N, C-alpha and C. Protein backbone atom coordinates (compact mmCIF):
# COMPACT_ATOMS: atom_id res chain seq x y z
N MET A 1 93.69 257.65 -13.02
CA MET A 1 93.28 256.18 -13.42
C MET A 1 94.23 255.35 -13.00
N ILE A 2 93.75 254.19 -12.96
CA ILE A 2 94.89 252.87 -12.86
C ILE A 2 95.12 252.49 -14.01
N THR A 3 96.47 252.39 -14.54
CA THR A 3 96.52 251.73 -15.47
C THR A 3 97.35 250.37 -15.45
N ASN A 4 97.62 249.56 -16.48
CA ASN A 4 98.84 248.25 -16.29
C ASN A 4 97.86 247.24 -15.50
N ILE A 5 96.54 247.28 -15.18
CA ILE A 5 95.87 246.23 -14.58
C ILE A 5 95.82 245.03 -15.23
N LEU A 6 96.54 243.95 -14.74
CA LEU A 6 96.61 242.42 -15.15
C LEU A 6 95.92 241.82 -14.14
N PRO A 7 95.82 240.48 -14.47
CA PRO A 7 95.15 239.58 -13.29
C PRO A 7 95.76 239.91 -11.92
N PRO A 8 95.30 240.29 -11.03
CA PRO A 8 96.24 240.62 -9.84
C PRO A 8 96.57 239.44 -8.92
N GLY A 9 97.62 239.72 -8.11
CA GLY A 9 98.01 239.03 -7.06
C GLY A 9 97.81 239.60 -5.66
N VAL A 10 97.70 238.80 -4.66
CA VAL A 10 97.46 239.22 -3.35
C VAL A 10 98.74 238.74 -2.46
N ARG A 11 99.44 239.77 -1.91
CA ARG A 11 100.47 239.36 -0.92
C ARG A 11 100.46 240.18 0.41
N ARG A 12 101.16 239.93 1.37
CA ARG A 12 101.22 240.76 2.47
C ARG A 12 101.79 242.19 2.14
N ALA A 13 101.43 243.08 2.71
CA ALA A 13 102.00 244.48 2.48
C ALA A 13 103.42 244.61 2.94
N HIS A 14 104.29 245.38 2.22
CA HIS A 14 105.55 245.79 2.37
C HIS A 14 105.52 247.26 2.81
N GLU A 15 106.47 247.43 3.54
CA GLU A 15 106.65 248.97 4.18
C GLU A 15 106.49 249.96 2.90
N ARG A 16 107.04 249.68 1.81
CA ARG A 16 106.99 250.68 0.83
C ARG A 16 105.32 250.99 0.19
N ASP A 17 104.58 249.97 0.51
CA ASP A 17 103.03 250.14 0.07
C ASP A 17 102.31 251.24 1.15
N LEU A 18 102.75 251.31 2.28
CA LEU A 18 102.08 252.26 3.35
C LEU A 18 101.60 253.46 2.86
N ALA A 19 102.56 254.04 2.21
CA ALA A 19 101.85 255.38 2.03
C ALA A 19 101.19 255.51 0.50
N LEU A 20 100.82 254.38 0.06
CA LEU A 20 99.93 254.47 -0.97
C LEU A 20 98.47 254.08 -0.57
N LEU A 21 98.32 253.41 0.45
CA LEU A 21 96.94 252.87 1.04
C LEU A 21 96.00 254.03 1.59
N ALA A 22 96.42 255.23 1.83
CA ALA A 22 95.41 256.29 1.90
C ALA A 22 94.67 256.61 0.74
N ALA A 23 95.40 256.72 -0.18
CA ALA A 23 94.74 257.31 -1.50
C ALA A 23 93.60 256.21 -2.05
N ILE A 24 93.93 255.05 -1.70
CA ILE A 24 92.95 253.90 -2.09
C ILE A 24 91.78 253.86 -1.08
N GLU A 25 91.94 254.12 0.09
CA GLU A 25 90.78 254.19 1.28
C GLU A 25 90.15 255.14 0.90
N ASP A 26 90.82 256.78 0.70
CA ASP A 26 89.84 257.83 0.22
C ASP A 26 88.93 257.57 -0.92
N ALA A 27 89.67 256.85 -2.00
CA ALA A 27 88.97 256.86 -3.37
C ALA A 27 87.84 256.01 -2.97
N ALA A 28 88.16 254.87 -2.35
CA ALA A 28 86.81 253.74 -2.07
C ALA A 28 85.91 254.59 -1.23
N GLY A 29 86.27 255.46 -0.14
CA GLY A 29 85.20 256.06 0.51
C GLY A 29 84.16 257.12 -0.29
N GLU A 30 84.85 257.54 -1.22
CA GLU A 30 83.91 258.30 -2.21
C GLU A 30 82.66 257.78 -2.55
N MET A 31 82.60 256.40 -2.77
CA MET A 31 81.77 255.79 -3.16
C MET A 31 80.33 255.57 -2.20
N PHE A 32 80.63 256.15 -1.12
CA PHE A 32 79.64 256.08 0.03
C PHE A 32 78.56 257.51 -0.10
N ALA A 33 78.88 258.30 -1.00
CA ALA A 33 78.34 259.55 -1.13
C ALA A 33 76.95 259.03 -2.05
N GLY A 34 75.94 259.43 -1.58
CA GLY A 34 74.63 259.24 -2.22
C GLY A 34 74.01 258.00 -1.59
N THR A 35 74.59 257.33 -0.62
CA THR A 35 74.01 256.18 -0.01
C THR A 35 73.49 256.33 1.37
N SER A 36 72.95 255.36 1.96
CA SER A 36 72.26 255.81 3.24
C SER A 36 73.23 255.88 4.40
N ALA A 37 74.57 255.64 4.07
CA ALA A 37 75.47 255.71 4.85
C ALA A 37 75.92 257.10 4.95
N ALA A 38 75.61 257.78 3.88
CA ALA A 38 76.45 259.18 3.35
C ALA A 38 76.41 260.33 4.70
N ALA A 39 75.02 260.25 5.54
CA ALA A 39 74.85 261.28 6.31
C ALA A 39 75.71 260.79 7.53
N ASP A 40 75.93 259.46 7.80
CA ASP A 40 76.39 259.04 9.05
C ASP A 40 78.03 259.18 8.94
N MET A 41 78.64 259.44 7.70
CA MET A 41 79.86 259.18 7.74
C MET A 41 80.80 260.50 7.80
N THR A 42 81.74 260.44 8.51
CA THR A 42 82.92 261.51 8.65
C THR A 42 84.00 260.61 8.00
N LEU A 43 84.62 260.76 6.83
CA LEU A 43 85.42 260.02 6.24
C LEU A 43 86.79 260.58 6.75
N THR A 44 87.33 259.47 7.63
CA THR A 44 88.70 259.48 8.01
C THR A 44 89.53 258.39 7.47
N THR A 45 91.01 258.69 7.07
CA THR A 45 91.65 257.73 6.60
C THR A 45 92.47 257.11 7.88
N THR A 46 92.62 255.58 7.62
CA THR A 46 93.46 255.15 8.81
C THR A 46 94.73 255.73 8.88
N PRO A 47 95.11 255.92 10.13
CA PRO A 47 96.66 256.32 10.29
C PRO A 47 97.50 255.58 9.93
N ILE A 48 98.74 256.09 9.30
CA ILE A 48 99.86 255.22 8.62
C ILE A 48 100.40 254.44 9.82
N ASP A 49 100.47 254.73 11.04
CA ASP A 49 100.91 254.07 12.22
C ASP A 49 100.23 252.57 12.35
N VAL A 50 98.88 252.75 12.00
CA VAL A 50 98.13 251.47 12.14
C VAL A 50 98.26 250.51 11.10
N HIS A 51 98.58 251.14 9.73
CA HIS A 51 98.92 250.24 8.97
C HIS A 51 100.38 249.59 9.14
N ALA A 52 101.26 250.37 9.65
CA ALA A 52 102.64 250.09 9.93
C ALA A 52 102.53 248.92 10.84
N ALA A 53 101.84 249.22 11.84
CA ALA A 53 101.73 248.03 12.93
C ALA A 53 101.23 246.82 12.51
N ALA A 54 100.27 246.67 11.74
CA ALA A 54 99.73 245.62 11.03
C ALA A 54 100.64 245.09 10.10
N CYS A 55 101.45 245.90 9.23
CA CYS A 55 102.30 245.24 8.27
C CYS A 55 103.44 244.51 9.06
N ALA A 56 103.63 245.03 10.13
CA ALA A 56 104.79 244.47 10.88
C ALA A 56 104.50 243.16 11.62
N ARG A 57 103.30 242.90 11.83
CA ARG A 57 102.52 241.94 12.56
C ARG A 57 102.21 240.81 11.35
N GLY A 58 101.91 241.24 10.14
CA GLY A 58 101.77 240.28 9.03
C GLY A 58 100.13 240.28 8.80
N SER A 59 99.44 241.22 9.19
CA SER A 59 98.12 241.15 9.06
C SER A 59 97.31 242.37 7.97
N LEU A 60 98.34 242.84 7.17
CA LEU A 60 97.93 243.73 6.17
C LEU A 60 98.26 243.18 4.90
N TRP A 61 97.29 243.04 3.83
CA TRP A 61 97.45 242.31 2.60
C TRP A 61 97.18 243.37 1.69
N VAL A 62 97.61 243.27 0.52
CA VAL A 62 97.59 244.19 -0.63
C VAL A 62 97.28 243.36 -1.85
N ALA A 63 96.16 243.88 -2.88
CA ALA A 63 96.06 243.39 -3.98
C ALA A 63 96.73 244.23 -4.99
N VAL A 64 97.68 243.40 -5.95
CA VAL A 64 98.50 244.32 -6.78
C VAL A 64 97.97 244.24 -8.30
N ASP A 65 98.46 245.21 -9.00
CA ASP A 65 98.53 244.88 -10.27
C ASP A 65 99.74 244.03 -11.00
N GLY A 66 99.87 244.18 -12.47
CA GLY A 66 100.95 243.41 -12.97
C GLY A 66 102.46 244.34 -12.55
N ASP A 67 102.17 245.29 -12.22
CA ASP A 67 103.65 246.23 -11.78
C ASP A 67 103.66 246.10 -10.35
N ASP A 68 102.88 245.35 -9.56
CA ASP A 68 103.00 245.22 -8.05
C ASP A 68 102.80 246.44 -7.38
N ALA A 69 101.68 247.28 -7.85
CA ALA A 69 101.24 248.51 -7.44
C ALA A 69 99.78 248.20 -6.67
N PRO A 70 99.84 248.53 -5.42
CA PRO A 70 98.64 248.18 -4.87
C PRO A 70 97.39 248.80 -5.47
N LEU A 71 96.40 247.90 -5.54
CA LEU A 71 94.96 248.31 -6.20
C LEU A 71 93.84 248.52 -4.75
N GLY A 72 94.13 247.54 -3.78
CA GLY A 72 93.41 247.36 -2.74
C GLY A 72 93.94 247.03 -1.50
N PHE A 73 93.34 246.99 -0.33
CA PHE A 73 93.96 246.22 0.76
C PHE A 73 93.18 246.10 1.80
N LEU A 74 93.59 244.86 2.60
CA LEU A 74 92.79 244.32 4.02
C LEU A 74 93.72 244.70 5.13
N LEU A 75 93.16 245.35 6.12
CA LEU A 75 93.87 245.40 7.43
C LEU A 75 93.01 244.67 8.46
N ALA A 76 93.68 243.75 9.22
CA ALA A 76 93.21 243.15 10.08
C ALA A 76 93.84 243.01 11.52
N GLU A 77 93.19 242.86 12.58
CA GLU A 77 94.09 242.56 13.86
C GLU A 77 93.37 241.27 14.36
N PRO A 78 94.27 240.43 14.95
CA PRO A 78 93.96 239.29 15.58
C PRO A 78 93.33 239.62 17.19
N VAL A 79 92.27 239.13 17.39
CA VAL A 79 91.59 239.40 18.73
C VAL A 79 91.21 238.12 19.24
N ASP A 80 91.81 237.23 20.15
CA ASP A 80 91.66 236.02 20.78
C ASP A 80 91.45 235.04 19.47
N THR A 81 90.62 234.31 19.03
CA THR A 81 90.72 233.60 18.07
C THR A 81 89.96 233.97 16.96
N TRP A 82 89.72 235.18 16.71
CA TRP A 82 89.01 235.91 15.64
C TRP A 82 90.20 236.79 15.06
N LEU A 83 90.19 236.71 13.61
CA LEU A 83 90.92 237.91 13.03
C LEU A 83 89.82 238.88 12.38
N HIS A 84 89.99 239.85 12.77
CA HIS A 84 88.88 241.06 13.06
C HIS A 84 89.49 241.98 11.55
N ILE A 85 88.49 241.90 10.50
CA ILE A 85 88.94 243.00 9.43
C ILE A 85 88.35 244.61 10.04
N LEU A 86 89.63 245.18 10.12
CA LEU A 86 89.37 246.65 10.29
C LEU A 86 89.04 247.35 9.19
N GLU A 87 89.63 247.30 8.09
CA GLU A 87 89.46 247.95 6.82
C GLU A 87 89.48 247.18 5.79
N LEU A 88 88.64 247.08 4.60
CA LEU A 88 88.78 246.41 3.39
C LEU A 88 88.56 247.44 2.30
N ASP A 89 89.43 247.89 1.39
CA ASP A 89 89.28 248.90 0.35
C ASP A 89 89.72 248.37 -0.81
N VAL A 90 89.02 248.61 -1.90
CA VAL A 90 89.63 248.62 -3.16
C VAL A 90 89.43 249.76 -4.22
N HIS A 91 90.41 250.38 -4.75
CA HIS A 91 90.04 251.37 -5.61
C HIS A 91 88.97 251.25 -6.66
N PRO A 92 88.26 252.26 -6.66
CA PRO A 92 86.91 252.17 -7.67
C PRO A 92 87.13 251.66 -8.91
N ASP A 93 88.37 252.28 -9.31
CA ASP A 93 88.90 251.87 -10.94
C ASP A 93 89.17 250.28 -10.99
N ALA A 94 89.52 249.74 -9.88
CA ALA A 94 89.81 248.28 -9.87
C ALA A 94 88.70 247.35 -9.26
N GLN A 95 87.49 248.02 -9.11
CA GLN A 95 86.48 247.09 -8.47
C GLN A 95 85.75 246.21 -9.39
N GLY A 96 85.21 245.07 -9.18
CA GLY A 96 84.48 244.22 -9.90
C GLY A 96 85.47 243.03 -10.63
N ARG A 97 86.63 243.11 -9.95
CA ARG A 97 87.50 242.16 -10.62
C ARG A 97 87.93 240.95 -9.70
N GLY A 98 87.14 241.03 -8.60
CA GLY A 98 87.46 239.98 -7.40
C GLY A 98 88.67 240.37 -6.52
N LEU A 99 89.03 241.35 -6.47
CA LEU A 99 90.08 241.82 -5.59
C LEU A 99 89.48 241.81 -4.10
N GLY A 100 88.37 242.13 -3.94
CA GLY A 100 87.88 242.12 -2.34
C GLY A 100 87.84 240.84 -2.01
N ALA A 101 87.20 239.91 -2.73
CA ALA A 101 87.01 238.46 -2.39
C ALA A 101 88.41 238.04 -2.36
N ALA A 102 89.45 238.11 -3.21
CA ALA A 102 90.72 237.45 -3.18
C ALA A 102 91.67 237.89 -1.75
N LEU A 103 91.12 239.20 -1.26
CA LEU A 103 92.05 239.75 -0.01
C LEU A 103 91.27 239.22 1.17
N ILE A 104 89.95 238.76 0.96
CA ILE A 104 89.15 238.27 1.95
C ILE A 104 89.85 236.59 2.03
N ALA A 105 89.95 235.96 0.97
CA ALA A 105 90.41 234.63 0.99
C ALA A 105 92.00 234.62 1.50
N ALA A 106 92.67 235.87 1.11
CA ALA A 106 94.06 235.71 1.68
C ALA A 106 94.00 235.80 3.23
N ALA A 107 93.57 236.61 3.74
CA ALA A 107 93.39 236.66 5.33
C ALA A 107 92.84 235.44 5.81
N GLY A 108 91.66 234.77 5.25
CA GLY A 108 91.23 233.65 5.81
C GLY A 108 92.25 232.42 5.88
N ALA A 109 93.10 232.35 4.86
CA ALA A 109 94.08 231.59 4.57
C ALA A 109 95.03 231.41 5.65
N ALA A 110 95.25 232.79 5.90
CA ALA A 110 96.49 233.14 7.04
C ALA A 110 95.94 233.40 8.55
N ALA A 111 94.67 233.06 8.84
CA ALA A 111 94.22 233.23 10.10
C ALA A 111 94.71 232.43 11.00
N GLY A 112 95.06 231.14 10.54
CA GLY A 112 95.64 230.30 11.40
C GLY A 112 97.09 230.64 11.72
N ASP A 113 97.79 231.42 11.24
CA ASP A 113 98.87 231.94 11.69
C ASP A 113 99.00 232.96 12.91
N PHE A 114 97.66 233.37 13.20
CA PHE A 114 97.57 234.19 14.31
C PHE A 114 96.53 233.29 15.45
N GLY A 115 96.49 231.87 15.32
CA GLY A 115 95.55 231.39 16.10
C GLY A 115 94.15 231.59 16.06
N CYS A 116 93.97 232.00 14.83
CA CYS A 116 92.39 232.39 14.49
C CYS A 116 91.61 231.38 13.78
N ASP A 117 90.29 231.15 14.04
CA ASP A 117 89.48 230.10 13.25
C ASP A 117 88.54 230.87 12.74
N ARG A 118 88.13 232.13 12.67
CA ARG A 118 87.22 232.95 12.12
C ARG A 118 87.61 234.26 11.76
N LEU A 119 86.93 234.89 10.60
CA LEU A 119 86.96 236.23 10.46
C LEU A 119 85.87 237.10 10.72
N SER A 120 86.07 238.14 11.21
CA SER A 120 85.02 238.99 11.88
C SER A 120 85.21 240.55 10.96
N LEU A 121 83.89 241.26 11.18
CA LEU A 121 83.99 242.63 10.84
C LEU A 121 82.81 243.34 10.85
N THR A 122 82.90 244.51 11.23
CA THR A 122 81.63 245.34 11.10
C THR A 122 81.33 246.00 9.94
N THR A 123 80.07 246.49 9.44
CA THR A 123 79.69 246.87 8.06
C THR A 123 78.28 247.33 7.99
N PHE A 124 78.07 248.16 6.99
CA PHE A 124 76.83 248.71 6.82
C PHE A 124 75.81 247.41 6.10
N ILE A 125 74.59 247.38 6.84
CA ILE A 125 73.70 246.46 6.74
C ILE A 125 73.01 246.52 5.35
N ASP A 126 72.77 247.56 4.39
CA ASP A 126 71.83 247.75 3.28
C ASP A 126 72.86 248.30 2.16
N ILE A 127 73.98 248.61 2.16
CA ILE A 127 74.71 249.25 1.01
C ILE A 127 75.09 247.56 0.16
N PRO A 128 75.04 247.78 -1.01
CA PRO A 128 75.10 246.32 -1.73
C PRO A 128 76.72 245.62 -1.58
N TRP A 129 77.52 246.70 -1.66
CA TRP A 129 79.01 246.24 -1.40
C TRP A 129 79.69 245.99 -0.17
N ASN A 130 78.56 246.19 0.81
CA ASN A 130 78.89 245.95 2.30
C ASN A 130 78.16 244.39 2.65
N ALA A 131 77.36 244.30 3.76
CA ALA A 131 76.85 243.35 4.26
C ALA A 131 76.18 242.35 3.09
N PRO A 132 75.34 242.62 2.18
CA PRO A 132 74.88 241.75 1.11
C PRO A 132 76.27 241.05 0.49
N TRP A 133 77.30 241.68 0.30
CA TRP A 133 78.38 241.20 -0.45
C TRP A 133 79.07 240.19 0.28
N TYR A 134 79.22 240.55 1.63
CA TYR A 134 79.96 239.69 2.60
C TYR A 134 78.99 238.36 2.79
N ARG A 135 77.83 238.74 2.68
CA ARG A 135 76.97 237.45 3.00
C ARG A 135 77.30 236.44 1.78
N ARG A 136 77.50 237.06 0.51
CA ARG A 136 77.30 236.01 -0.68
C ARG A 136 79.05 235.29 -0.50
N LEU A 137 79.84 236.02 0.32
CA LEU A 137 81.14 235.30 0.50
C LEU A 137 81.01 234.32 1.54
N GLY A 138 79.91 234.37 2.29
CA GLY A 138 79.94 233.31 3.30
C GLY A 138 79.64 233.64 4.73
N PHE A 139 79.91 235.22 5.10
CA PHE A 139 79.80 235.56 6.20
C PHE A 139 78.31 235.73 6.92
N ALA A 140 77.93 235.58 8.00
CA ALA A 140 76.72 235.66 8.36
C ALA A 140 76.93 236.84 9.64
N GLU A 141 75.36 237.41 9.80
CA GLU A 141 75.30 238.43 10.88
C GLU A 141 75.53 237.77 12.45
N ILE A 142 76.22 238.42 13.09
CA ILE A 142 76.29 237.91 14.30
C ILE A 142 75.22 238.68 15.45
N ALA A 143 74.35 237.65 16.18
CA ALA A 143 73.39 238.44 16.92
C ALA A 143 74.18 239.27 18.18
N ALA A 144 73.69 240.20 18.53
CA ALA A 144 74.19 241.12 19.44
C ALA A 144 74.60 240.00 20.84
N ALA A 145 73.75 239.33 21.12
CA ALA A 145 73.83 238.39 22.45
C ALA A 145 75.24 237.46 22.12
N ASP A 146 75.44 237.21 20.94
CA ASP A 146 76.59 236.23 20.33
C ASP A 146 78.21 237.04 20.28
N GLN A 147 77.82 238.26 20.29
CA GLN A 147 78.94 239.10 20.34
C GLN A 147 79.91 239.17 21.49
N PRO A 148 81.24 238.94 21.37
CA PRO A 148 82.19 239.06 22.42
C PRO A 148 82.26 240.63 22.79
N ASP A 149 82.56 240.69 24.04
CA ASP A 149 82.53 242.24 24.52
C ASP A 149 83.55 243.23 23.61
N TRP A 150 84.58 242.73 23.43
CA TRP A 150 85.33 243.73 22.29
C TRP A 150 84.62 243.92 21.00
N LEU A 151 83.87 243.00 20.55
CA LEU A 151 83.14 243.48 19.12
C LEU A 151 82.13 244.15 19.49
N ARG A 152 81.23 244.28 20.60
CA ARG A 152 80.11 245.04 21.15
C ARG A 152 80.84 246.48 21.19
N GLY A 153 82.18 246.44 21.90
CA GLY A 153 82.92 247.84 22.01
C GLY A 153 83.07 248.46 20.70
N ILE A 154 83.41 247.81 19.62
CA ILE A 154 83.64 248.41 18.29
C ILE A 154 82.42 248.96 17.78
N LEU A 155 81.37 248.46 17.83
CA LEU A 155 80.24 248.60 17.58
C LEU A 155 79.74 250.01 18.21
N ARG A 156 79.90 250.00 19.43
CA ARG A 156 79.47 251.12 20.39
C ARG A 156 80.53 252.21 19.94
N ARG A 157 81.83 252.11 19.68
CA ARG A 157 82.68 253.39 19.19
C ARG A 157 82.32 253.63 17.93
N GLU A 158 82.01 253.12 17.07
CA GLU A 158 81.45 253.79 15.59
C GLU A 158 80.12 254.30 15.98
N ALA A 159 79.26 253.92 16.79
CA ALA A 159 78.03 254.89 17.22
C ALA A 159 78.61 256.10 17.80
N GLU A 160 79.48 256.17 18.65
CA GLU A 160 80.03 257.41 19.25
C GLU A 160 80.72 258.30 18.28
N THR A 161 81.10 257.71 17.15
CA THR A 161 81.79 258.48 16.04
C THR A 161 80.61 259.13 15.14
N GLY A 162 79.29 258.81 15.22
CA GLY A 162 78.32 259.19 14.29
C GLY A 162 77.61 257.99 13.44
N LEU A 163 78.17 256.90 13.45
CA LEU A 163 77.58 256.06 12.66
C LEU A 163 76.09 255.34 13.08
N ASP A 164 75.03 255.58 12.37
CA ASP A 164 73.85 255.04 13.04
C ASP A 164 73.94 253.55 13.37
N PRO A 165 73.66 252.89 14.63
CA PRO A 165 73.69 251.46 15.01
C PRO A 165 72.86 250.66 14.16
N ALA A 166 71.57 251.55 13.94
CA ALA A 166 70.31 250.86 12.95
C ALA A 166 71.05 250.20 11.57
N ASN A 167 72.17 251.11 11.10
CA ASN A 167 72.73 250.79 10.15
C ASN A 167 73.76 249.75 9.81
N ARG A 168 74.20 249.46 11.27
CA ARG A 168 75.50 248.54 10.99
C ARG A 168 75.30 247.19 11.70
N CYS A 169 76.00 246.35 11.18
CA CYS A 169 75.84 244.99 11.85
C CYS A 169 77.41 244.34 12.27
N ALA A 170 77.53 243.31 12.48
CA ALA A 170 78.93 242.78 12.94
C ALA A 170 78.74 241.55 12.19
N MET A 171 79.65 240.81 11.53
CA MET A 171 79.46 239.65 10.81
C MET A 171 80.59 238.52 11.11
N LEU A 172 80.47 237.36 10.74
CA LEU A 172 81.33 236.33 11.03
C LEU A 172 81.58 235.33 9.86
N TRP A 173 82.74 234.89 9.76
CA TRP A 173 82.90 233.84 8.75
C TRP A 173 83.59 232.80 9.52
N TRP A 174 83.48 231.56 9.97
CA TRP A 174 83.86 230.51 10.43
C TRP A 174 84.71 229.92 9.19
N LEU A 175 86.19 229.61 9.55
CA LEU A 175 86.94 229.04 8.69
C LEU A 175 87.12 227.52 8.76
């Protein structure tokens, strides 16, 4: 159980945060049990070296409690003029407090640091805290014909890992 939850802050991740992110990702992943995505998913945690590389590049943000302990994180990678969100997770005990939206806002505010003018991501179409939630924040689905090759490649690799392409979409938010 998460304790000492105060109005959160969002900051770029520090090396000391990296070991804590897998537990957040695992707990958030458990929320998919019983959804349309459950049969498609083999839950794997993002390797710590991926987090470390993003931390070094400055494209890993954490939402923290009053004790500066991570409650959620956003991992992104700049690709051309797109800041692509690879992972966004908030611990279930801390959801419903605007942390996910705050992490998206932080990434959007920093996108220019990477020469990016938009955010992108891939997500599940029908799960309420996925595509419908991103739409409420201002994201829109990207038609396949409008997706750059690298983004189509991500969707293709997701399908190869067992995610049903009929349940997935790519989304974009112009900054």
